[in-house]
């Protein structure tokens, strides 16, 4: 029998199983709401429970790629921290001198 729809992506499957487990509704109701069969939903749940959770590290790739990503994130964090410090100083200055903000009170 040919398929009548495109295969569901992994994100949809994950969200469907999460919804079924957390909604408190019976699986048949969740499956009906999502437009899938209850057997399909149970199969997705079984696949998730039997597959080891590899997490984001396994999906990220090689160690060199991870190191480059870490360096990029460190630079981004340092930049954001500098911005926050500048904004704190600007707020302190403007609080001391309300006329700088254009208040004519």
PDB file of N, CA and C in Angstrom:
ATOM      1  N   UNK A   1       0.841  -1.179   0.000  1.00  0.00           N
ATOM      2  CA  UNK A   1       0.000   0.000   0.000  1.00  0.00           C
ATOM      3  C   UNK A   1       0.888   1.245   0.000  1.00  0.00           C
ATOM      4  N   UNK A   2       0.691   2.175  -0.944  1.00  0.00           N
ATOM      5  CA  UNK A   2       1.524   3.374  -1.002  1.00  0.00           C
ATOM      6  C   UNK A   2       1.184   4.348   0.127  1.00  0.00           C
ATOM      7  N   UNK A   3       2.186   5.136   0.471  1.00  0.00           N
ATOM      8  CA  UNK A   3       1.978   6.159   1.499  1.00  0.00           C
ATOM      9  C   UNK A   3       1.101   7.269   0.945  1.00  0.00           C
ATOM     10  N   UNK A   4       0.296   7.853   1.826  1.00  0.00           N
ATOM     11  CA  UNK A   4      -0.579   8.928   1.391  1.00  0.00           C
ATOM     12  C   UNK A   4      -0.096  10.293   1.870  1.00  0.00           C
ATOM     13  N   UNK A   5       1.008  10.329   2.623  1.00  0.00           N
ATOM     14  CA  UNK A   5       1.544  11.591   3.127  1.00  0.00           C
ATOM     15  C   UNK A   5       3.055  11.485   3.228  1.00  0.00           C
ATOM     16  N   UNK A   6       3.701  12.644   3.382  1.00  0.00           N
ATOM     17  CA  UNK A   6       5.151  12.646   3.557  1.00  0.00           C
ATOM     18  C   UNK A   6       5.490  12.110   4.942  1.00  0.00           C
ATOM     19  N   UNK A   7       6.677  11.515   5.100  1.00  0.00           N
ATOM     20  CA  UNK A   7       7.075  11.046   6.434  1.00  0.00           C
ATOM     21  C   UNK A   7       7.169  12.226   7.406  1.00  0.00           C
ATOM     22  N   UNK A   8       6.815  11.954   8.640  1.00  0.00           N
ATOM     23  CA  UNK A   8       6.887  13.001   9.665  1.00  0.00           C
ATOM     24  C   UNK A   8       8.333  13.187  10.089  1.00  0.00           C
ATOM     25  N   UNK A   9       8.719  14.442  10.329  1.00  0.00           N
ATOM     26  CA  UNK A   9      10.088  14.703  10.744  1.00  0.00           C
ATOM     27  C   UNK A   9      10.277  14.361  12.222  1.00  0.00           C
ATOM     28  N   UNK A  10      11.529  14.269  12.633  1.00  0.00           N
ATOM     29  CA  UNK A  10      11.869  13.847  13.994  1.00  0.00           C
ATOM     30  C   UNK A  10      11.328  14.810  15.044  1.00  0.00           C
ATOM     31  N   UNK A  11      11.298  16.095  14.731  1.00  0.00           N
ATOM     32  CA  UNK A  11      10.800  17.084  15.687  1.00  0.00           C
ATOM     33  C   UNK A  11       9.315  16.863  15.954  1.00  0.00           C
ATOM     34  N   UNK A  12       8.559  16.630  14.891  1.00  0.00           N
ATOM     35  CA  UNK A  12       7.125  16.373  15.057  1.00  0.00           C
ATOM     36  C   UNK A  12       6.906  15.117  15.888  1.00  0.00           C
ATOM     37  N   UNK A  13       7.664  14.082  15.597  1.00  0.00           N
ATOM     38  CA  UNK A  13       7.530  12.835  16.350  1.00  0.00           C
ATOM     39  C   UNK A  13       7.816  13.051  17.829  1.00  0.00           C
ATOM     40  N   UNK A  14       8.907  13.764  18.122  1.00  0.00           N
ATOM     41  CA  UNK A  14       9.288  14.042  19.507  1.00  0.00           C
ATOM     42  C   UNK A  14       8.195  14.816  20.225  1.00  0.00           C
ATOM     43  N   UNK A  15       7.694  15.863  19.571  1.00  0.00           N
ATOM     44  CA  UNK A  15       6.661  16.691  20.183  1.00  0.00           C
ATOM     45  C   UNK A  15       5.366  15.911  20.377  1.00  0.00           C
ATOM     46  N   UNK A  16       5.039  15.049  19.436  1.00  0.00           N
ATOM     47  CA  UNK A  16       3.828  14.239  19.552  1.00  0.00           C
ATOM     48  C   UNK A  16       3.913  13.299  20.747  1.00  0.00           C
ATOM     49  N   UNK A  17       5.059  12.655  20.924  1.00  0.00           N
ATOM     50  CA  UNK A  17       5.249  11.745  22.059  1.00  0.00           C
ATOM     51  C   UNK A  17       5.230  12.532  23.368  1.00  0.00           C
ATOM     52  N   UNK A  18       5.893  13.669  23.389  1.00  0.00           N
ATOM     53  CA  UNK A  18       5.883  14.506  24.597  1.00  0.00           C
ATOM     54  C   UNK A  18       4.467  14.929  24.952  1.00  0.00           C
ATOM     55  N   UNK A  19       3.692  15.329  23.955  1.00  0.00           N
ATOM     56  CA  UNK A  19       2.313  15.729  24.186  1.00  0.00           C
ATOM     57  C   UNK A  19       1.497  14.562  24.735  1.00  0.00           C
ATOM     58  N   UNK A  20       1.681  13.403  24.154  1.00  0.00           N
ATOM     59  CA  UNK A  20       0.932  12.232  24.608  1.00  0.00           C
ATOM     60  C   UNK A  20       1.276  11.874  26.049  1.00  0.00           C
ATOM     61  N   UNK A  21       2.534  12.061  26.414  1.00  0.00           N
ATOM     62  CA  UNK A  21       2.958  11.690  27.762  1.00  0.00           C
ATOM     63  C   UNK A  21       2.585  12.736  28.801  1.00  0.00           C
ATOM     64  N   UNK A  22       2.478  13.994  28.420  1.00  0.00           N
ATOM     65  CA  UNK A  22       2.243  15.045  29.409  1.00  0.00           C
ATOM     66  C   UNK A  22       0.822  15.585  29.419  1.00  0.00           C
ATOM     67  N   UNK A  23       0.032  15.292  28.400  1.00  0.00           N
ATOM     68  CA  UNK A  23      -1.294  15.899  28.309  1.00  0.00           C
ATOM     69  C   UNK A  23      -2.306  15.269  29.257  1.00  0.00           C
ATOM     70  N   UNK A  24      -2.090  14.026  29.641  1.00  0.00           N
ATOM     71  CA  UNK A  24      -3.060  13.344  30.489  1.00  0.00           C
ATOM     72  C   UNK A  24      -4.205  12.730  29.688  1.00  0.00           C
ATOM     73  N   UNK A  25      -4.207  12.957  28.382  1.00  0.00           N
ATOM     74  CA  UNK A  25      -5.232  12.372  27.516  1.00  0.00           C
ATOM     75  C   UNK A  25      -4.808  10.957  27.124  1.00  0.00           C
ATOM     76  N   UNK A  26      -5.756  10.112  26.775  1.00  0.00           N
ATOM     77  CA  UNK A  26      -5.402   8.793  26.242  1.00  0.00           C
ATOM     78  C   UNK A  26      -4.663   8.929  24.907  1.00  0.00           C
ATOM     79  N   UNK A  27      -3.822   7.957  24.626  1.00  0.00           N
ATOM     80  CA  UNK A  27      -3.039   8.004  23.387  1.00  0.00           C
ATOM     81  C   UNK A  27      -3.939   8.094  22.162  1.00  0.00           C
ATOM     82  N   UNK A  28      -5.074   7.402  22.179  1.00  0.00           N
ATOM     83  CA  UNK A  28      -5.949   7.415  20.996  1.00  0.00           C
ATOM     84  C   UNK A  28      -6.491   8.821  20.732  1.00  0.00           C
ATOM     85  N   UNK A  29      -6.760   9.595  21.797  1.00  0.00           N
ATOM     86  CA  UNK A  29      -7.250  10.958  21.611  1.00  0.00           C
ATOM     87  C   UNK A  29      -6.161  11.874  21.060  1.00  0.00           C
ATOM     88  N   UNK A  30      -4.960  11.752  21.598  1.00  0.00           N
ATOM     89  CA  UNK A  30      -3.847  12.565  21.109  1.00  0.00           C
ATOM     90  C   UNK A  30      -3.548  12.218  19.659  1.00  0.00           C
ATOM     91  N   UNK A  31      -3.534  10.924  19.343  1.00  0.00           N
ATOM     92  CA  UNK A  31      -3.260  10.493  17.974  1.00  0.00           C
ATOM     93  C   UNK A  31      -4.320  11.035  17.023  1.00  0.00           C
ATOM     94  N   UNK A  32      -5.580  10.973  17.426  1.00  0.00           N
ATOM     95  CA  UNK A  32      -6.669  11.477  16.584  1.00  0.00           C
ATOM     96  C   UNK A  32      -6.515  12.986  16.369  1.00  0.00           C
ATOM     97  N   UNK A  33      -6.175  13.724  17.436  1.00  0.00           N
ATOM     98  CA  UNK A  33      -5.988  15.178  17.322  1.00  0.00           C
ATOM     99  C   UNK A  33      -4.853  15.532  16.372  1.00  0.00           C
ATOM    100  N   UNK A  34      -3.804  14.700  16.361  1.00  0.00           N
ATOM    101  CA  UNK A  34      -2.645  14.969  15.511  1.00  0.00           C
ATOM    102  C   UNK A  34      -2.794  14.401  14.103  1.00  0.00           C
ATOM    103  N   UNK A  35      -3.789  13.569  13.900  1.00  0.00           N
ATOM    104  CA  UNK A  35      -4.006  12.992  12.575  1.00  0.00           C
ATOM    105  C   UNK A  35      -3.099  11.818  12.265  1.00  0.00           C
ATOM    106  N   UNK A  36      -2.664  11.096  13.299  1.00  0.00           N
ATOM    107  CA  UNK A  36      -1.855   9.894  13.099  1.00  0.00           C
ATOM    108  C   UNK A  36      -2.563   8.735  13.776  1.00  0.00           C
ATOM    109  N   UNK A  37      -2.155   7.533  13.441  1.00  0.00           N
ATOM    110  CA  UNK A  37      -2.777   6.382  14.091  1.00  0.00           C
ATOM    111  C   UNK A  37      -2.168   6.187  15.477  1.00  0.00           C
ATOM    112  N   UNK A  38      -2.929   5.572  16.340  1.00  0.00           N
ATOM    113  CA  UNK A  38      -2.443   5.324  17.698  1.00  0.00           C
ATOM    114  C   UNK A  38      -1.258   4.365  17.666  1.00  0.00           C
ATOM    115  N   UNK A  39      -1.253   3.441  16.712  1.00  0.00           N
ATOM    116  CA  UNK A  39      -0.121   2.516  16.594  1.00  0.00           C
ATOM    117  C   UNK A  39       1.158   3.261  16.197  1.00  0.00           C
ATOM    118  N   UNK A  40       1.017   4.237  15.335  1.00  0.00           N
ATOM    119  CA  UNK A  40       2.167   5.042  14.938  1.00  0.00           C
ATOM    120  C   UNK A  40       2.716   5.814  16.133  1.00  0.00           C
ATOM    121  N   UNK A  41       1.824   6.420  16.898  1.00  0.00           N
ATOM    122  CA  UNK A  41       2.246   7.176  18.072  1.00  0.00           C
ATOM    123  C   UNK A  41       2.944   6.279  19.082  1.00  0.00           C
ATOM    124  N   UNK A  42       2.426   5.093  19.288  1.00  0.00           N
ATOM    125  CA  UNK A  42       3.065   4.148  20.217  1.00  0.00           C
ATOM    126  C   UNK A  42       4.422   3.686  19.679  1.00  0.00           C
ATOM    127  N   UNK A  43       4.523   3.514  18.364  1.00  0.00           N
ATOM    128  CA  UNK A  43       5.803   3.110  17.771  1.00  0.00           C
ATOM    129  C   UNK A  43       6.843   4.213  17.965  1.00  0.00           C
ATOM    130  N   UNK A  44       6.434   5.474  17.805  1.00  0.00           N
ATOM    131  CA  UNK A  44       7.356   6.590  18.028  1.00  0.00           C
ATOM    132  C   UNK A  44       7.823   6.613  19.479  1.00  0.00           C
ATOM    133  N   UNK A  45       6.899   6.365  20.392  1.00  0.00           N
ATOM    134  CA  UNK A  45       7.271   6.339  21.815  1.00  0.00           C
ATOM    135  C   UNK A  45       8.268   5.212  22.067  1.00  0.00           C
ATOM    136  N   UNK A  46       8.016   4.070  21.476  1.00  0.00           N
ATOM    137  CA  UNK A  46       8.921   2.927  21.649  1.00  0.00           C
ATOM    138  C   UNK A  46      10.301   3.236  21.080  1.00  0.00           C
ATOM    139  N   UNK A  47      10.354   3.881  19.928  1.00  0.00           N
ATOM    140  CA  UNK A  47      11.638   4.247  19.331  1.00  0.00           C
ATOM    141  C   UNK A  47      12.415   5.190  20.235  1.00  0.00           C
ATOM    142  N   UNK A  48      11.729   6.144  20.846  1.00  0.00           N
ATOM    143  CA  UNK A  48      12.410   7.105  21.716  1.00  0.00           C
ATOM    144  C   UNK A  48      12.908   6.450  22.997  1.00  0.00           C
ATOM    145  N   UNK A  49      12.178   5.475  23.508  1.00  0.00           N
ATOM    146  CA  UNK A  49      12.608   4.847  24.752  1.00  0.00           C
ATOM    147  C   UNK A  49      13.704   3.821  24.524  1.00  0.00           C
ATOM    148  N   UNK A  50      13.796   3.265  23.321  1.00  0.00           N
ATOM    149  CA  UNK A  50      14.830   2.270  23.056  1.00  0.00           C
ATOM    150  C   UNK A  50      16.116   2.874  22.521  1.00  0.00           C
ATOM    151  N   UNK A  51      16.037   4.079  21.949  1.00  0.00           N
ATOM    152  CA  UNK A  51      17.240   4.727  21.433  1.00  0.00           C
ATOM    153  C   UNK A  51      17.925   5.474  22.565  1.00  0.00           C
ATOM    154  N   UNK A  52      19.248   5.320  22.699  1.00  0.00           N
ATOM    155  CA  UNK A  52      19.948   6.078  23.729  1.00  0.00           C
ATOM    156  C   UNK A  52      19.917   7.562  23.401  1.00  0.00           C
ATOM    157  N   UNK A  53      19.818   8.379  24.434  1.00  0.00           N
ATOM    158  CA  UNK A  53      19.804   9.826  24.251  1.00  0.00           C
ATOM    159  C   UNK A  53      21.228  10.291  23.976  1.00  0.00           C
ATOM    160  N   UNK A  54      21.476  10.685  22.741  1.00  0.00           N
ATOM    161  CA  UNK A  54      22.822  11.106  22.368  1.00  0.00           C
ATOM    162  C   UNK A  54      23.070  12.557  22.730  1.00  0.00           C
ATOM    163  N   UNK A  55      22.021  13.341  22.831  1.00  0.00           N
ATOM    164  CA  UNK A  55      22.157  14.731  23.242  1.00  0.00           C
ATOM    165  C   UNK A  55      22.788  15.587  22.165  1.00  0.00           C
ATOM    166  N   UNK A  56      23.023  16.854  22.464  1.00  0.00           N
ATOM    167  CA  UNK A  56      23.544  17.776  21.466  1.00  0.00           C
ATOM    168  C   UNK A  56      25.000  17.537  21.108  1.00  0.00           C
ATOM    169  N   UNK A  57      25.773  16.891  21.973  1.00  0.00           N
ATOM    170  CA  UNK A  57      27.191  16.679  21.698  1.00  0.00           C
ATOM    171  C   UNK A  57      27.370  15.745  20.512  1.00  0.00           C
ATOM    172  N   UNK A  58      26.611  14.672  20.464  1.00  0.00           N
ATOM    173  CA  UNK A  58      26.740  13.736  19.358  1.00  0.00           C
ATOM    174  C   UNK A  58      26.274  14.362  18.051  1.00  0.00           C
ATOM    175  N   UNK A  59      25.286  15.227  18.118  1.00  0.00           N
ATOM    176  CA  UNK A  59      24.775  15.857  16.913  1.00  0.00           C
ATOM    177  C   UNK A  59      25.704  16.962  16.414  1.00  0.00           C
ATOM    178  N   UNK A  60      26.538  17.499  17.268  1.00  0.00           N
ATOM    179  CA  UNK A  60      27.372  18.633  16.893  1.00  0.00           C
ATOM    180  C   UNK A  60      28.499  18.248  15.943  1.00  0.00           C
ATOM    181  N   UNK A  61      29.061  17.090  16.113  1.00  0.00           N
ATOM    182  CA  UNK A  61      30.094  16.674  15.178  1.00  0.00           C
ATOM    183  C   UNK A  61      31.444  16.489  15.823  1.00  0.00           C
ATOM    184  N   UNK A  62      32.477  16.832  15.052  1.00  0.00           N
ATOM    185  CA  UNK A  62      33.864  16.594  15.438  1.00  0.00           C
ATOM    186  C   UNK A  62      34.300  17.493  16.589  1.00  0.00           C
ATOM    187  N   UNK A  63      35.311  17.063  17.339  1.00  0.00           N
ATOM    188  CA  UNK A  63      35.816  17.900  18.432  1.00  0.00           C
ATOM    189  C   UNK A  63      36.318  19.260  17.954  1.00  0.00           C
ATOM    190  N   UNK A  64      36.925  19.314  16.775  1.00  0.00           N
ATOM    191  CA  UNK A  64      37.407  20.608  16.282  1.00  0.00           C
ATOM    192  C   UNK A  64      36.246  21.563  16.029  1.00  0.00           C
ATOM    193  N   UNK A  65      35.109  21.033  15.547  1.00  0.00           N
ATOM    194  CA  UNK A  65      33.926  21.862  15.342  1.00  0.00           C
ATOM    195  C   UNK A  65      33.384  22.353  16.678  1.00  0.00           C
ATOM    196  N   UNK A  66      33.415  21.488  17.666  1.00  0.00           N
ATOM    197  CA  UNK A  66      32.946  21.869  18.996  1.00  0.00           C
ATOM    198  C   UNK A  66      33.838  22.952  19.597  1.00  0.00           C
ATOM    199  N   UNK A  67      35.135  22.842  19.382  1.00  0.00           N
ATOM    200  CA  UNK A  67      36.060  23.847  19.912  1.00  0.00           C
ATOM    201  C   UNK A  67      35.831  25.198  19.239  1.00  0.00           C
ATOM    202  N   UNK A  68      35.608  25.198  17.924  1.00  0.00           N
ATOM    203  CA  UNK A  68      35.318  26.444  17.212  1.00  0.00           C
ATOM    204  C   UNK A  68      34.017  27.062  17.727  1.00  0.00           C
ATOM    205  N   UNK A  69      33.028  26.223  17.956  1.00  0.00           N
ATOM    206  CA  UNK A  69      31.754  26.717  18.483  1.00  0.00           C
ATOM    207  C   UNK A  69      31.938  27.303  19.881  1.00  0.00           C
ATOM    208  N   UNK A  70      32.725  26.638  20.718  1.00  0.00           N
ATOM    209  CA  UNK A  70      33.005  27.156  22.059  1.00  0.00           C
ATOM    210  C   UNK A  70      33.710  28.510  21.988  1.00  0.00           C
ATOM    211  N   UNK A  71      34.677  28.648  21.099  1.00  0.00           N
ATOM    212  CA  UNK A  71      35.388  29.919  20.955  1.00  0.00           C
ATOM    213  C   UNK A  71      34.440  31.020  20.505  1.00  0.00           C
ATOM    214  N   UNK A  72      33.578  30.703  19.548  1.00  0.00           N
ATOM    215  CA  UNK A  72      32.611  31.684  19.074  1.00  0.00           C
ATOM    216  C   UNK A  72      31.678  32.105  20.205  1.00  0.00           C
ATOM    217  N   UNK A  73      31.210  31.137  20.982  1.00  0.00           N
ATOM    218  CA  UNK A  73      30.309  31.457  22.088  1.00  0.00           C
ATOM    219  C   UNK A  73      30.998  32.264  23.179  1.00  0.00           C
ATOM    220  N   UNK A  74      32.277  31.988  23.414  1.00  0.00           N
ATOM    221  CA  UNK A  74      33.025  32.775  24.404  1.00  0.00           C
ATOM    222  C   UNK A  74      33.165  34.227  23.954  1.00  0.00           C
ATOM    223  N   UNK A  75      33.464  34.425  22.668  1.00  0.00           N
ATOM    224  CA  UNK A  75      33.561  35.790  22.138  1.00  0.00           C
ATOM    225  C   UNK A  75      32.224  36.511  22.253  1.00  0.00           C
ATOM    226  N   UNK A  76      31.162  35.805  21.895  1.00  0.00           N
ATOM    227  CA  UNK A  76      29.831  36.392  21.964  1.00  0.00           C
ATOM    228  C   UNK A  76      29.456  36.741  23.405  1.00  0.00           C
ATOM    229  N   UNK A  77      29.787  35.875  24.341  1.00  0.00           N
ATOM    230  CA  UNK A  77      29.512  36.142  25.752  1.00  0.00           C
ATOM    231  C   UNK A  77      30.288  37.351  26.246  1.00  0.00           C
ATOM    232  N   UNK A  78      31.558  37.439  25.887  1.00  0.00           N
ATOM    233  CA  UNK A  78      32.376  38.573  26.306  1.00  0.00           C
ATOM    234  C   UNK A  78      31.807  39.879  25.739  1.00  0.00           C
ATOM    235  N   UNK A  79      31.389  39.868  24.485  1.00  0.00           N
ATOM    236  CA  UNK A  79      30.800  41.057  23.860  1.00  0.00           C
ATOM    237  C   UNK A  79      29.525  41.462  24.586  1.00  0.00           C
ATOM    238  N   UNK A  80      28.681  40.505  24.885  1.00  0.00           N
ATOM    239  CA  UNK A  80      27.426  40.787  25.574  1.00  0.00           C
ATOM    240  C   UNK A  80      27.673  41.319  26.976  1.00  0.00           C
ATOM    241  N   UNK A  81      28.670  40.773  27.661  1.00  0.00           N
ATOM    242  CA  UNK A  81      29.003  41.266  28.997  1.00  0.00           C
ATOM    243  C   UNK A  81      29.503  42.704  28.944  1.00  0.00           C
ATOM    244  N   UNK A  82      30.310  43.039  27.924  1.00  0.00           N
ATOM    245  CA  UNK A  82      30.776  44.427  27.765  1.00  0.00           C
ATOM    246  C   UNK A  82      29.598  45.362  27.512  1.00  0.00           C
ATOM    247  N   UNK A  83      28.662  44.929  26.669  1.00  0.00           N
ATOM    248  CA  UNK A  83      27.484  45.745  26.407  1.00  0.00           C
ATOM    249  C   UNK A  83      26.687  45.986  27.687  1.00  0.00           C
ATOM    250  N   UNK A  84      26.518  44.966  28.485  1.00  0.00           N
ATOM    251  CA  UNK A  84      25.766  45.089  29.729  1.00  0.00           C
ATOM    252  C   UNK A  84      26.443  46.082  30.672  1.00  0.00           C
ATOM    253  N   UNK A  85      27.763  46.010  30.773  1.00  0.00           N
ATOM    254  CA  UNK A  85      28.488  46.933  31.651  1.00  0.00           C
ATOM    255  C   UNK A  85      28.350  48.373  31.167  1.00  0.00           C
ATOM    256  N   UNK A  86      28.415  48.579  29.864  1.00  0.00           N
ATOM    257  CA  UNK A  86      28.257  49.924  29.309  1.00  0.00           C
ATOM    258  C   UNK A  86      26.854  50.448  29.616  1.00  0.00           C
ATOM    259  N   UNK A  87      25.849  49.601  29.452  1.00  0.00           N
ATOM    260  CA  UNK A  87      24.479  50.027  29.732  1.00  0.00           C
ATOM    261  C   UNK A  87      24.273  50.339  31.211  1.00  0.00           C
ATOM    262  N   UNK A  88      24.909  49.580  32.085  1.00  0.00           N
ATOM    263  CA  UNK A  88      24.816  49.863  33.527  1.00  0.00           C
ATOM    264  C   UNK A  88      25.398  51.233  33.833  1.00  0.00           C
ATOM    265  N   UNK A  89      26.569  51.530  33.253  1.00  0.00           N
ATOM    266  CA  UNK A  89      27.204  52.821  33.487  1.00  0.00           C
ATOM    267  C   UNK A  89      26.354  53.951  32.928  1.00  0.00           C
ATOM    268  N   UNK A  90      25.790  53.756  31.743  1.00  0.00           N
ATOM    269  CA  UNK A  90      24.948  54.788  31.142  1.00  0.00           C
ATOM    270  C   UNK A  90      23.710  55.028  31.996  1.00  0.00           C
ATOM    271  N   UNK A  91      23.125  53.976  32.532  1.00  0.00           N
ATOM    272  CA  UNK A  91      21.956  54.126  33.393  1.00  0.00           C
ATOM    273  C   UNK A  91      22.312  54.887  34.671  1.00  0.00           C
ATOM    274  N   UNK A  92      23.463  54.593  35.232  1.00  0.00           N
ATOM    275  CA  UNK A  92      23.895  55.292  36.447  1.00  0.00           C
ATOM    276  C   UNK A  92      24.097  56.779  36.160  1.00  0.00           C
ATOM    277  N   UNK A  93      24.709  57.115  35.043  1.00  0.00           N
ATOM    278  CA  UNK A  93      24.941  58.513  34.686  1.00  0.00           C
ATOM    279  C   UNK A  93      23.610  59.225  34.457  1.00  0.00           C
ATOM    280  N   UNK A  94      22.712  58.600  33.723  1.00  0.00           N
ATOM    281  CA  UNK A  94      21.416  59.221  33.437  1.00  0.00           C
ATOM    282  C   UNK A  94      20.566  59.356  34.697  1.00  0.00           C
ATOM    283  N   UNK A  95      20.724  58.453  35.636  1.00  0.00           N
ATOM    284  CA  UNK A  95      19.972  58.537  36.893  1.00  0.00           C
ATOM    285  C   UNK A  95      20.457  59.704  37.737  1.00  0.00           C
ATOM    286  N   UNK A  96      21.743  59.987  37.674  1.00  0.00           N
ATOM    287  CA  UNK A  96      22.304  61.098  38.439  1.00  0.00           C
ATOM    288  C   UNK A  96      21.952  62.443  37.824  1.00  0.00           C
ATOM    289  N   UNK A  97      21.795  62.466  36.502  1.00  0.00           N
ATOM    290  CA  UNK A  97      21.534  63.714  35.796  1.00  0.00           C
ATOM    291  C   UNK A  97      20.279  63.548  34.935  1.00  0.00           C
ATOM    292  N   UNK A  98      19.086  63.690  35.519  1.00  0.00           N
ATOM    293  CA  UNK A  98      17.851  63.446  34.773  1.00  0.00           C
ATOM    294  C   UNK A  98      17.681  64.343  33.553  1.00  0.00           C
ATOM    295  N   UNK A  99      18.310  65.492  33.518  1.00  0.00           N
ATOM    296  CA  UNK A  99      18.192  66.391  32.372  1.00  0.00           C
ATOM    297  C   UNK A  99      18.760  65.813  31.090  1.00  0.00           C
ATOM    298  N   UNK A 100      19.627  64.833  31.201  1.00  0.00           N
ATOM    299  CA  UNK A 100      20.234  64.240  30.016  1.00  0.00           C
ATOM    300  C   UNK A 100      19.219  63.464  29.178  1.00  0.00           C
ATOM    301  N   UNK A 101      18.158  62.995  29.799  1.00  0.00           N
ATOM    302  CA  UNK A 101      17.174  62.202  29.087  1.00  0.00           C
ATOM    303  C   UNK A 101      16.107  63.055  28.410  1.00  0.00           C
ATOM    304  N   UNK A 102      16.177  64.361  28.554  1.00  0.00           N
ATOM    305  CA  UNK A 102      15.216  65.232  27.905  1.00  0.00           C
ATOM    306  C   UNK A 102      14.028  65.559  28.782  1.00  0.00           C
ATOM    307  N   UNK A 103      14.068  65.182  30.047  1.00  0.00           N
ATOM    308  CA  UNK A 103      12.982  65.523  30.970  1.00  0.00           C
ATOM    309  C   UNK A 103      13.090  66.986  31.317  1.00  0.00           C
ATOM    310  N   UNK A 104      12.008  67.705  31.164  1.00  0.00           N
ATOM    311  CA  UNK A 104      12.008  69.130  31.481  1.00  0.00           C
ATOM    312  C   UNK A 104      11.282  69.390  32.793  1.00  0.00           C
ATOM    313  N   UNK A 105      11.109  68.417  33.624  1.00  0.00           N
ATOM    314  CA  UNK A 105      10.415  68.569  34.909  1.00  0.00           C
ATOM    315  C   UNK A 105      11.242  69.309  35.882  1.00  0.00           C
TER     316      UNK A 105
END
